[in-house]
């Protein structure tokens, strides 16, 4: 069986190591936190840009659908729909 002297790390015996304490230093924690904040900032920027782009594409598609509907109306009736149409309920006649 080994004695306590045989279990000690030779570098510790030479004075190269200070007292061993498990855990992280403050500098290590600050570096990791700052890297995480930087990555999160980049991700949030990319997500907001992507969602903004998707909204613009959806609006463009909606406008194209309106143009197509108006052109179809013109093709069927020979004129464009009037701009002063008021929507009413077909049952009660009340304005919507």
PDB file of N, CA and C in Angstrom:
ATOM      1  N   UNK A   1       0.839  -1.175   0.000  1.00  0.00           N
ATOM      2  CA  UNK A   1       0.000   0.000   0.000  1.00  0.00           C
ATOM      3  C   UNK A   1       0.893   1.250   0.000  1.00  0.00           C
ATOM      4  N   UNK A   2       0.434   2.293  -0.715  1.00  0.00           N
ATOM      5  CA  UNK A   2       1.242   3.511  -0.831  1.00  0.00           C
ATOM      6  C   UNK A   2       1.049   4.393   0.389  1.00  0.00           C
ATOM      7  N   UNK A   3       2.102   5.070   0.745  1.00  0.00           N
ATOM      8  CA  UNK A   3       2.015   5.997   1.867  1.00  0.00           C
ATOM      9  C   UNK A   3       1.522   7.346   1.366  1.00  0.00           C
ATOM     10  N   UNK A   4       1.216   8.253   2.276  1.00  0.00           N
ATOM     11  CA  UNK A   4       0.722   9.576   1.910  1.00  0.00           C
ATOM     12  C   UNK A   4       1.741  10.339   1.085  1.00  0.00           C
ATOM     13  N   UNK A   5       3.003  10.150   1.339  1.00  0.00           N
ATOM     14  CA  UNK A   5       4.036  10.857   0.602  1.00  0.00           C
ATOM     15  C   UNK A   5       4.058  10.421  -0.864  1.00  0.00           C
ATOM     16  N   UNK A   6       3.684   9.186  -1.153  1.00  0.00           N
ATOM     17  CA  UNK A   6       3.684   8.704  -2.529  1.00  0.00           C
ATOM     18  C   UNK A   6       2.473   9.208  -3.319  1.00  0.00           C
ATOM     19  N   UNK A   7       1.410   9.655  -2.644  1.00  0.00           N
ATOM     20  CA  UNK A   7       0.209  10.154  -3.304  1.00  0.00           C
ATOM     21  C   UNK A   7       0.320  11.625  -3.679  1.00  0.00           C
ATOM     22  N   UNK A   8       1.241  12.340  -3.173  1.00  0.00           N
ATOM     23  CA  UNK A   8       1.365  13.776  -3.425  1.00  0.00           C
ATOM     24  C   UNK A   8       1.980  13.992  -4.791  1.00  0.00           C
ATOM     25  N   UNK A   9       1.398  14.927  -5.528  1.00  0.00           N
ATOM     26  CA  UNK A   9       1.878  15.285  -6.860  1.00  0.00           C
ATOM     27  C   UNK A   9       3.287  15.855  -6.754  1.00  0.00           C
ATOM     28  N   UNK A  10       4.222  15.393  -7.591  1.00  0.00           N
ATOM     29  CA  UNK A  10       5.604  15.891  -7.509  1.00  0.00           C
ATOM     30  C   UNK A  10       5.705  17.392  -7.751  1.00  0.00           C
ATOM     31  N   UNK A  11       4.839  17.950  -8.585  1.00  0.00           N
ATOM     32  CA  UNK A  11       4.901  19.404  -8.831  1.00  0.00           C
ATOM     33  C   UNK A  11       4.485  20.183  -7.584  1.00  0.00           C
ATOM     34  N   UNK A  12       3.544  19.624  -6.853  1.00  0.00           N
ATOM     35  CA  UNK A  12       3.127  20.301  -5.629  1.00  0.00           C
ATOM     36  C   UNK A  12       4.259  20.276  -4.617  1.00  0.00           C
ATOM     37  N   UNK A  13       4.994  19.181  -4.588  1.00  0.00           N
ATOM     38  CA  UNK A  13       6.131  19.088  -3.666  1.00  0.00           C
ATOM     39  C   UNK A  13       7.200  20.115  -4.032  1.00  0.00           C
ATOM     40  N   UNK A  14       7.345  20.398  -5.329  1.00  0.00           N
ATOM     41  CA  UNK A  14       8.363  21.348  -5.773  1.00  0.00           C
ATOM     42  C   UNK A  14       7.908  22.790  -5.593  1.00  0.00           C
ATOM     43  N   UNK A  15       6.663  23.014  -5.169  1.00  0.00           N
ATOM     44  CA  UNK A  15       6.166  24.366  -4.949  1.00  0.00           C
ATOM     45  C   UNK A  15       5.606  25.037  -6.199  1.00  0.00           C
ATOM     46  N   UNK A  16       5.338  24.263  -7.268  1.00  0.00           N
ATOM     47  CA  UNK A  16       4.799  24.841  -8.507  1.00  0.00           C
ATOM     48  C   UNK A  16       3.295  25.082  -8.421  1.00  0.00           C
ATOM     49  N   UNK A  17       2.619  24.382  -7.538  1.00  0.00           N
ATOM     50  CA  UNK A  17       1.182  24.563  -7.365  1.00  0.00           C
ATOM     51  C   UNK A  17       0.915  25.256  -6.048  1.00  0.00           C
ATOM     52  N   UNK A  18      -0.055  26.150  -6.076  1.00  0.00           N
ATOM     53  CA  UNK A  18      -0.537  26.713  -4.817  1.00  0.00           C
ATOM     54  C   UNK A  18      -1.628  25.783  -4.302  1.00  0.00           C
ATOM     55  N   UNK A  19      -2.257  26.147  -3.264  1.00  0.00           N
ATOM     56  CA  UNK A  19      -3.300  25.298  -2.698  1.00  0.00           C
ATOM     57  C   UNK A  19      -4.382  25.041  -3.751  1.00  0.00           C
ATOM     58  N   UNK A  20      -4.785  23.807  -3.889  1.00  0.00           N
ATOM     59  CA  UNK A  20      -5.782  23.423  -4.885  1.00  0.00           C
ATOM     60  C   UNK A  20      -7.167  23.775  -4.362  1.00  0.00           C
ATOM     61  N   UNK A  21      -7.888  24.587  -5.159  1.00  0.00           N
ATOM     62  CA  UNK A  21      -9.254  24.936  -4.810  1.00  0.00           C
ATOM     63  C   UNK A  21     -10.142  24.662  -6.020  1.00  0.00           C
ATOM     64  N   UNK A  22     -11.125  23.800  -5.888  1.00  0.00           N
ATOM     65  CA  UNK A  22     -12.002  23.520  -7.030  1.00  0.00           C
ATOM     66  C   UNK A  22     -12.889  24.730  -7.332  1.00  0.00           C
ATOM     67  N   UNK A  23     -13.239  24.884  -8.597  1.00  0.00           N
ATOM     68  CA  UNK A  23     -14.115  25.981  -8.990  1.00  0.00           C
ATOM     69  C   UNK A  23     -13.469  26.836 -10.057  1.00  0.00           C
ATOM     70  N   UNK A  24     -14.137  27.946 -10.358  1.00  0.00           N
ATOM     71  CA  UNK A  24     -13.687  28.864 -11.394  1.00  0.00           C
ATOM     72  C   UNK A  24     -13.240  30.172 -10.763  1.00  0.00           C
ATOM     73  N   UNK A  25     -12.330  30.846 -11.433  1.00  0.00           N
ATOM     74  CA  UNK A  25     -11.907  32.161 -10.960  1.00  0.00           C
ATOM     75  C   UNK A  25     -12.893  33.202 -11.470  1.00  0.00           C
ATOM     76  N   UNK A  26     -12.838  34.369 -10.894  1.00  0.00           N
ATOM     77  CA  UNK A  26     -13.718  35.455 -11.296  1.00  0.00           C
ATOM     78  C   UNK A  26     -13.481  35.844 -12.753  1.00  0.00           C
ATOM     79  N   UNK A  27     -12.246  35.870 -13.170  1.00  0.00           N
ATOM     80  CA  UNK A  27     -11.919  36.216 -14.560  1.00  0.00           C
ATOM     81  C   UNK A  27     -12.529  35.200 -15.522  1.00  0.00           C
ATOM     82  N   UNK A  28     -12.418  33.923 -15.203  1.00  0.00           N
ATOM     83  CA  UNK A  28     -12.995  32.895 -16.072  1.00  0.00           C
ATOM     84  C   UNK A  28     -14.502  33.067 -16.188  1.00  0.00           C
ATOM     85  N   UNK A  29     -15.158  33.328 -15.079  1.00  0.00           N
ATOM     86  CA  UNK A  29     -16.607  33.536 -15.112  1.00  0.00           C
ATOM     87  C   UNK A  29     -16.971  34.768 -15.931  1.00  0.00           C
ATOM     88  N   UNK A  30     -16.244  35.867 -15.763  1.00  0.00           N
ATOM     89  CA  UNK A  30     -16.535  37.077 -16.530  1.00  0.00           C
ATOM     90  C   UNK A  30     -16.319  36.865 -18.027  1.00  0.00           C
ATOM     91  N   UNK A  31     -15.292  36.138 -18.386  1.00  0.00           N
ATOM     92  CA  UNK A  31     -15.040  35.862 -19.808  1.00  0.00           C
ATOM     93  C   UNK A  31     -16.176  35.036 -20.392  1.00  0.00           C
ATOM     94  N   UNK A  32     -16.597  33.998 -19.693  1.00  0.00           N
ATOM     95  CA  UNK A  32     -17.675  33.151 -20.192  1.00  0.00           C
ATOM     96  C   UNK A  32     -18.980  33.930 -20.299  1.00  0.00           C
ATOM     97  N   UNK A  33     -19.295  34.733 -19.310  1.00  0.00           N
ATOM     98  CA  UNK A  33     -20.526  35.525 -19.341  1.00  0.00           C
ATOM     99  C   UNK A  33     -20.492  36.529 -20.483  1.00  0.00           C
ATOM    100  N   UNK A  34     -19.356  37.178 -20.705  1.00  0.00           N
ATOM    101  CA  UNK A  34     -19.283  38.147 -21.793  1.00  0.00           C
ATOM    102  C   UNK A  34     -19.401  37.468 -23.156  1.00  0.00           C
ATOM    103  N   UNK A  35     -18.827  36.291 -23.314  1.00  0.00           N
ATOM    104  CA  UNK A  35     -18.967  35.558 -24.581  1.00  0.00           C
ATOM    105  C   UNK A  35     -20.419  35.150 -24.801  1.00  0.00           C
ATOM    106  N   UNK A  36     -21.065  34.687 -23.746  1.00  0.00           N
ATOM    107  CA  UNK A  36     -22.480  34.314 -23.872  1.00  0.00           C
ATOM    108  C   UNK A  36     -23.338  35.519 -24.229  1.00  0.00           C
ATOM    109  N   UNK A  37     -23.068  36.673 -23.642  1.00  0.00           N
ATOM    110  CA  UNK A  37     -23.832  37.884 -23.956  1.00  0.00           C
ATOM    111  C   UNK A  37     -23.611  38.296 -25.405  1.00  0.00           C
ATOM    112  N   UNK A  38     -22.401  38.189 -25.881  1.00  0.00           N
ATOM    113  CA  UNK A  38     -22.094  38.530 -27.265  1.00  0.00           C
ATOM    114  C   UNK A  38     -22.832  37.606 -28.232  1.00  0.00           C
ATOM    115  N   UNK A  39     -22.803  36.324 -27.973  1.00  0.00           N
ATOM    116  CA  UNK A  39     -23.488  35.362 -28.840  1.00  0.00           C
ATOM    117  C   UNK A  39     -24.995  35.596 -28.815  1.00  0.00           C
ATOM    118  N   UNK A  40     -25.551  35.833 -27.640  1.00  0.00           N
ATOM    119  CA  UNK A  40     -26.990  36.080 -27.543  1.00  0.00           C
ATOM    120  C   UNK A  40     -27.376  37.355 -28.285  1.00  0.00           C
ATOM    121  N   UNK A  41     -26.547  38.375 -28.202  1.00  0.00           N
ATOM    122  CA  UNK A  41     -26.828  39.605 -28.942  1.00  0.00           C
ATOM    123  C   UNK A  41     -26.845  39.381 -30.437  1.00  0.00           C
ATOM    124  N   UNK A  42     -25.920  38.581 -30.931  1.00  0.00           N
ATOM    125  CA  UNK A  42     -25.902  38.267 -32.362  1.00  0.00           C
ATOM    126  C   UNK A  42     -27.131  37.464 -32.773  1.00  0.00           C
ATOM    127  N   UNK A  43     -27.505  36.499 -31.954  1.00  0.00           N
ATOM    128  CA  UNK A  43     -28.664  35.666 -32.275  1.00  0.00           C
ATOM    129  C   UNK A  43     -29.944  36.499 -32.278  1.00  0.00           C
ATOM    130  N   UNK A  44     -30.108  37.354 -31.292  1.00  0.00           N
ATOM    131  CA  UNK A  44     -31.306  38.201 -31.232  1.00  0.00           C
ATOM    132  C   UNK A  44     -31.363  39.119 -32.455  1.00  0.00           C
ATOM    133  N   UNK A  45     -30.233  39.661 -32.859  1.00  0.00           N
ATOM    134  CA  UNK A  45     -30.203  40.511 -34.045  1.00  0.00           C
ATOM    135  C   UNK A  45     -30.601  39.753 -35.294  1.00  0.00           C
ATOM    136  N   UNK A  46     -30.117  38.531 -35.440  1.00  0.00           N
ATOM    137  CA  UNK A  46     -30.466  37.731 -36.614  1.00  0.00           C
ATOM    138  C   UNK A  46     -31.937  37.344 -36.614  1.00  0.00           C
ATOM    139  N   UNK A  47     -32.474  37.014 -35.448  1.00  0.00           N
ATOM    140  CA  UNK A  47     -33.877  36.614 -35.369  1.00  0.00           C
ATOM    141  C   UNK A  47     -34.791  37.781 -35.694  1.00  0.00           C
ATOM    142  N   UNK A  48     -34.501  38.967 -35.165  1.00  0.00           N
ATOM    143  CA  UNK A  48     -35.362  40.118 -35.453  1.00  0.00           C
ATOM    144  C   UNK A  48     -35.271  40.517 -36.919  1.00  0.00           C
ATOM    145  N   UNK A  49     -34.091  40.414 -37.513  1.00  0.00           N
ATOM    146  CA  UNK A  49     -33.953  40.720 -38.935  1.00  0.00           C
ATOM    147  C   UNK A  49     -34.731  39.718 -39.774  1.00  0.00           C
ATOM    148  N   UNK A  50     -34.663  38.453 -39.415  1.00  0.00           N
ATOM    149  CA  UNK A  50     -35.389  37.424 -40.162  1.00  0.00           C
ATOM    150  C   UNK A  50     -36.888  37.609 -40.033  1.00  0.00           C
ATOM    151  N   UNK A  51     -37.374  37.933 -38.839  1.00  0.00           N
ATOM    152  CA  UNK A  51     -38.816  38.112 -38.671  1.00  0.00           C
ATOM    153  C   UNK A  51     -39.295  39.352 -39.413  1.00  0.00           C
ATOM    154  N   UNK A  52     -38.491  40.400 -39.423  1.00  0.00           N
ATOM    155  CA  UNK A  52     -38.849  41.606 -40.166  1.00  0.00           C
ATOM    156  C   UNK A  52     -38.922  41.310 -41.665  1.00  0.00           C
ATOM    157  N   UNK A  53     -37.979  40.538 -42.168  1.00  0.00           N
ATOM    158  CA  UNK A  53     -37.974  40.161 -43.581  1.00  0.00           C
ATOM    159  C   UNK A  53     -39.193  39.306 -43.916  1.00  0.00           C
ATOM    160  N   UNK A  54     -39.542  38.379 -43.029  1.00  0.00           N
ATOM    161  CA  UNK A  54     -40.722  37.545 -43.271  1.00  0.00           C
ATOM    162  C   UNK A  54     -41.991  38.380 -43.301  1.00  0.00           C
ATOM    163  N   UNK A  55     -42.105  39.374 -42.409  1.00  0.00           N
ATOM    164  CA  UNK A  55     -43.285  40.240 -42.408  1.00  0.00           C
ATOM    165  C   UNK A  55     -43.385  41.033 -43.702  1.00  0.00           C
ATOM    166  N   UNK A  56     -42.243  41.540 -44.185  1.00  0.00           N
ATOM    167  CA  UNK A  56     -42.257  42.291 -45.439  1.00  0.00           C
ATOM    168  C   UNK A  56     -42.670  41.401 -46.608  1.00  0.00           C
ATOM    169  N   UNK A  57     -42.186  40.172 -46.644  1.00  0.00           N
ATOM    170  CA  UNK A  57     -42.575  39.247 -47.712  1.00  0.00           C
ATOM    171  C   UNK A  57     -44.059  38.940 -47.656  1.00  0.00           C
ATOM    172  N   UNK A  58     -44.611  38.788 -46.445  1.00  0.00           N
ATOM    173  CA  UNK A  58     -46.038  38.522 -46.304  1.00  0.00           C
ATOM    174  C   UNK A  58     -46.866  39.702 -46.782  1.00  0.00           C
ATOM    175  N   UNK A  59     -46.429  40.918 -46.451  1.00  0.00           N
ATOM    176  CA  UNK A  59     -47.146  42.114 -46.895  1.00  0.00           C
ATOM    177  C   UNK A  59     -47.088  42.230 -48.417  1.00  0.00           C
ATOM    178  N   UNK A  60     -45.922  41.955 -48.996  1.00  0.00           N
ATOM    179  CA  UNK A  60     -45.808  41.990 -50.456  1.00  0.00           C
ATOM    180  C   UNK A  60     -46.753  40.977 -51.097  1.00  0.00           C
ATOM    181  N   UNK A  61     -46.840  39.790 -50.524  1.00  0.00           N
ATOM    182  CA  UNK A  61     -47.756  38.771 -51.046  1.00  0.00           C
ATOM    183  C   UNK A  61     -49.202  39.195 -50.930  1.00  0.00           C
ATOM    184  N   UNK A  62     -49.572  39.801 -49.800  1.00  0.00           N
ATOM    185  CA  UNK A  62     -50.941  40.285 -49.614  1.00  0.00           C
ATOM    186  C   UNK A  62     -51.284  41.370 -50.631  1.00  0.00           C
ATOM    187  N   UNK A  63     -50.357  42.292 -50.845  1.00  0.00           N
ATOM    188  CA  UNK A  63     -50.611  43.351 -51.826  1.00  0.00           C
ATOM    189  C   UNK A  63     -50.757  42.774 -53.232  1.00  0.00           C
ATOM    190  N   UNK A  64     -49.952  41.781 -53.555  1.00  0.00           N
ATOM    191  CA  UNK A  64     -50.064  41.149 -54.867  1.00  0.00           C
ATOM    192  C   UNK A  64     -51.414  40.452 -55.012  1.00  0.00           C
ATOM    193  N   UNK A  65     -51.921  39.860 -53.922  1.00  0.00           N
ATOM    194  CA  UNK A  65     -53.247  39.240 -53.965  1.00  0.00           C
ATOM    195  C   UNK A  65     -54.330  40.288 -54.193  1.00  0.00           C
ATOM    196  N   UNK A  66     -54.207  41.462 -53.568  1.00  0.00           N
ATOM    197  CA  UNK A  66     -55.184  42.537 -53.792  1.00  0.00           C
ATOM    198  C   UNK A  66     -55.155  43.002 -55.246  1.00  0.00           C
ATOM    199  N   UNK A  67     -53.962  43.147 -55.801  1.00  0.00           N
ATOM    200  CA  UNK A  67     -53.833  43.570 -57.199  1.00  0.00           C
ATOM    201  C   UNK A  67     -54.484  42.539 -58.116  1.00  0.00           C
ATOM    202  N   UNK A  68     -54.242  41.271 -57.853  1.00  0.00           N
ATOM    203  CA  UNK A  68     -54.826  40.207 -58.671  1.00  0.00           C
ATOM    204  C   UNK A  68     -56.347  40.227 -58.563  1.00  0.00           C
ATOM    205  N   UNK A  69     -56.873  40.417 -57.363  1.00  0.00           N
ATOM    206  CA  UNK A  69     -58.326  40.453 -57.177  1.00  0.00           C
ATOM    207  C   UNK A  69     -58.949  41.632 -57.932  1.00  0.00           C
ATOM    208  N   UNK A  70     -58.305  42.780 -57.866  1.00  0.00           N
ATOM    209  CA  UNK A  70     -58.847  43.962 -58.563  1.00  0.00           C
ATOM    210  C   UNK A  70     -58.772  43.765 -60.074  1.00  0.00           C
ATOM    211  N   UNK A  71     -57.686  43.189 -60.559  1.00  0.00           N
ATOM    212  CA  UNK A  71     -57.572  42.925 -61.993  1.00  0.00           C
ATOM    213  C   UNK A  71     -58.612  41.901 -62.450  1.00  0.00           C
ATOM    214  N   UNK A  72     -58.888  40.895 -61.623  1.00  0.00           N
ATOM    215  CA  UNK A  72     -59.936  39.922 -61.951  1.00  0.00           C
ATOM    216  C   UNK A  72     -61.303  40.592 -61.984  1.00  0.00           C
ATOM    217  N   UNK A  73     -61.563  41.487 -61.062  1.00  0.00           N
ATOM    218  CA  UNK A  73     -62.830  42.239 -61.042  1.00  0.00           C
ATOM    219  C   UNK A  73     -62.962  43.041 -62.333  1.00  0.00           C
ATOM    220  N   UNK A  74     -61.876  43.714 -62.713  1.00  0.00           N
ATOM    221  CA  UNK A  74     -61.899  44.531 -63.937  1.00  0.00           C
ATOM    222  C   UNK A  74     -62.109  43.651 -65.171  1.00  0.00           C
ATOM    223  N   UNK A  75     -61.490  42.485 -65.184  1.00  0.00           N
ATOM    224  CA  UNK A  75     -61.646  41.592 -66.329  1.00  0.00           C
ATOM    225  C   UNK A  75     -63.075  41.078 -66.448  1.00  0.00           C
ATOM    226  N   UNK A  76     -63.745  40.853 -65.308  1.00  0.00           N
ATOM    227  CA  UNK A  76     -65.099  40.313 -65.355  1.00  0.00           C
ATOM    228  C   UNK A  76     -66.160  41.379 -65.608  1.00  0.00           C
ATOM    229  N   UNK A  77     -66.020  42.551 -64.978  1.00  0.00           N
ATOM    230  CA  UNK A  77     -67.070  43.568 -65.069  1.00  0.00           C
ATOM    231  C   UNK A  77     -66.730  44.708 -66.032  1.00  0.00           C
ATOM    232  N   UNK A  78     -65.500  44.821 -66.461  1.00  0.00           N
ATOM    233  CA  UNK A  78     -65.124  45.855 -67.416  1.00  0.00           C
ATOM    234  C   UNK A  78     -64.763  47.181 -66.774  1.00  0.00           C
ATOM    235  N   UNK A  79     -64.813  47.276 -65.483  1.00  0.00           N
ATOM    236  CA  UNK A  79     -64.408  48.498 -64.767  1.00  0.00           C
ATOM    237  C   UNK A  79     -63.864  48.104 -63.402  1.00  0.00           C
ATOM    238  N   UNK A  80     -63.140  49.034 -62.833  1.00  0.00           N
ATOM    239  CA  UNK A  80     -62.576  48.770 -61.500  1.00  0.00           C
ATOM    240  C   UNK A  80     -63.638  49.009 -60.440  1.00  0.00           C
ATOM    241  N   UNK A  81     -63.526  48.351 -59.302  1.00  0.00           N
ATOM    242  CA  UNK A  81     -64.531  48.544 -58.243  1.00  0.00           C
ATOM    243  C   UNK A  81     -64.501  49.981 -57.733  1.00  0.00           C
ATOM    244  N   UNK A  82     -65.677  50.508 -57.359  1.00  0.00           N
ATOM    245  CA  UNK A  82     -65.715  51.876 -56.839  1.00  0.00           C
ATOM    246  C   UNK A  82     -65.014  51.964 -55.486  1.00  0.00           C
ATOM    247  N   UNK A  83     -64.552  53.155 -55.176  1.00  0.00           N
ATOM    248  CA  UNK A  83     -63.812  53.318 -53.922  1.00  0.00           C
ATOM    249  C   UNK A  83     -64.696  53.749 -52.759  1.00  0.00           C
ATOM    250  N   UNK A  84     -65.993  53.917 -52.985  1.00  0.00           N
ATOM    251  CA  UNK A  84     -66.868  54.379 -51.903  1.00  0.00           C
ATOM    252  C   UNK A  84     -67.861  53.311 -51.466  1.00  0.00           C
ATOM    253  N   UNK A  85     -67.538  52.052 -51.613  1.00  0.00           N
ATOM    254  CA  UNK A  85     -68.416  50.957 -51.219  1.00  0.00           C
ATOM    255  C   UNK A  85     -68.378  50.808 -49.704  1.00  0.00           C
ATOM    256  N   UNK A  86     -69.577  50.720 -49.100  1.00  0.00           N
ATOM    257  CA  UNK A  86     -69.680  50.525 -47.660  1.00  0.00           C
ATOM    258  C   UNK A  86     -70.191  49.111 -47.429  1.00  0.00           C
ATOM    259  N   UNK A  87     -69.476  48.344 -46.646  1.00  0.00           N
ATOM    260  CA  UNK A  87     -69.875  46.973 -46.359  1.00  0.00           C
ATOM    261  C   UNK A  87     -71.080  46.974 -45.429  1.00  0.00           C
ATOM    262  N   UNK A  88     -72.082  46.146 -45.763  1.00  0.00           N
ATOM    263  CA  UNK A  88     -73.262  46.011 -44.900  1.00  0.00           C
ATOM    264  C   UNK A  88     -73.532  44.551 -44.645  1.00  0.00           C
ATOM    265  N   UNK A  89     -74.221  44.278 -43.546  1.00  0.00           N
ATOM    266  CA  UNK A  89     -74.616  42.929 -43.203  1.00  0.00           C
ATOM    267  C   UNK A  89     -75.803  42.565 -44.091  1.00  0.00           C
ATOM    268  N   UNK A  90     -75.740  41.427 -44.782  1.00  0.00           N
ATOM    269  CA  UNK A  90     -76.804  41.041 -45.730  1.00  0.00           C
ATOM    270  C   UNK A  90     -78.103  40.700 -45.021  1.00  0.00           C
ATOM    271  N   UNK A  91     -78.067  40.351 -43.753  1.00  0.00           N
ATOM    272  CA  UNK A  91     -79.281  39.987 -43.029  1.00  0.00           C
ATOM    273  C   UNK A  91     -79.946  41.209 -42.425  1.00  0.00           C
ATOM    274  N   UNK A  92     -79.203  41.995 -41.675  1.00  0.00           N
ATOM    275  CA  UNK A  92     -79.797  43.138 -40.961  1.00  0.00           C
ATOM    276  C   UNK A  92     -79.666  44.446 -41.736  1.00  0.00           C
ATOM    277  N   UNK A  93     -78.786  44.505 -42.686  1.00  0.00           N
ATOM    278  CA  UNK A  93     -78.575  45.750 -43.424  1.00  0.00           C
ATOM    279  C   UNK A  93     -77.713  46.737 -42.685  1.00  0.00           C
ATOM    280  N   UNK A  94     -77.192  46.367 -41.529  1.00  0.00           N
ATOM    281  CA  UNK A  94     -76.362  47.276 -40.748  1.00  0.00           C
ATOM    282  C   UNK A  94     -74.960  47.352 -41.343  1.00  0.00           C
ATOM    283  N   UNK A  95     -74.330  48.510 -41.182  1.00  0.00           N
ATOM    284  CA  UNK A  95     -72.963  48.670 -41.666  1.00  0.00           C
ATOM    285  C   UNK A  95     -71.999  47.870 -40.795  1.00  0.00           C
ATOM    286  N   UNK A  96     -70.984  47.312 -41.421  1.00  0.00           N
ATOM    287  CA  UNK A  96     -69.977  46.527 -40.690  1.00  0.00           C
ATOM    288  C   UNK A  96     -68.794  47.379 -40.332  1.00  0.00           C
TER     289      UNK A  96
END
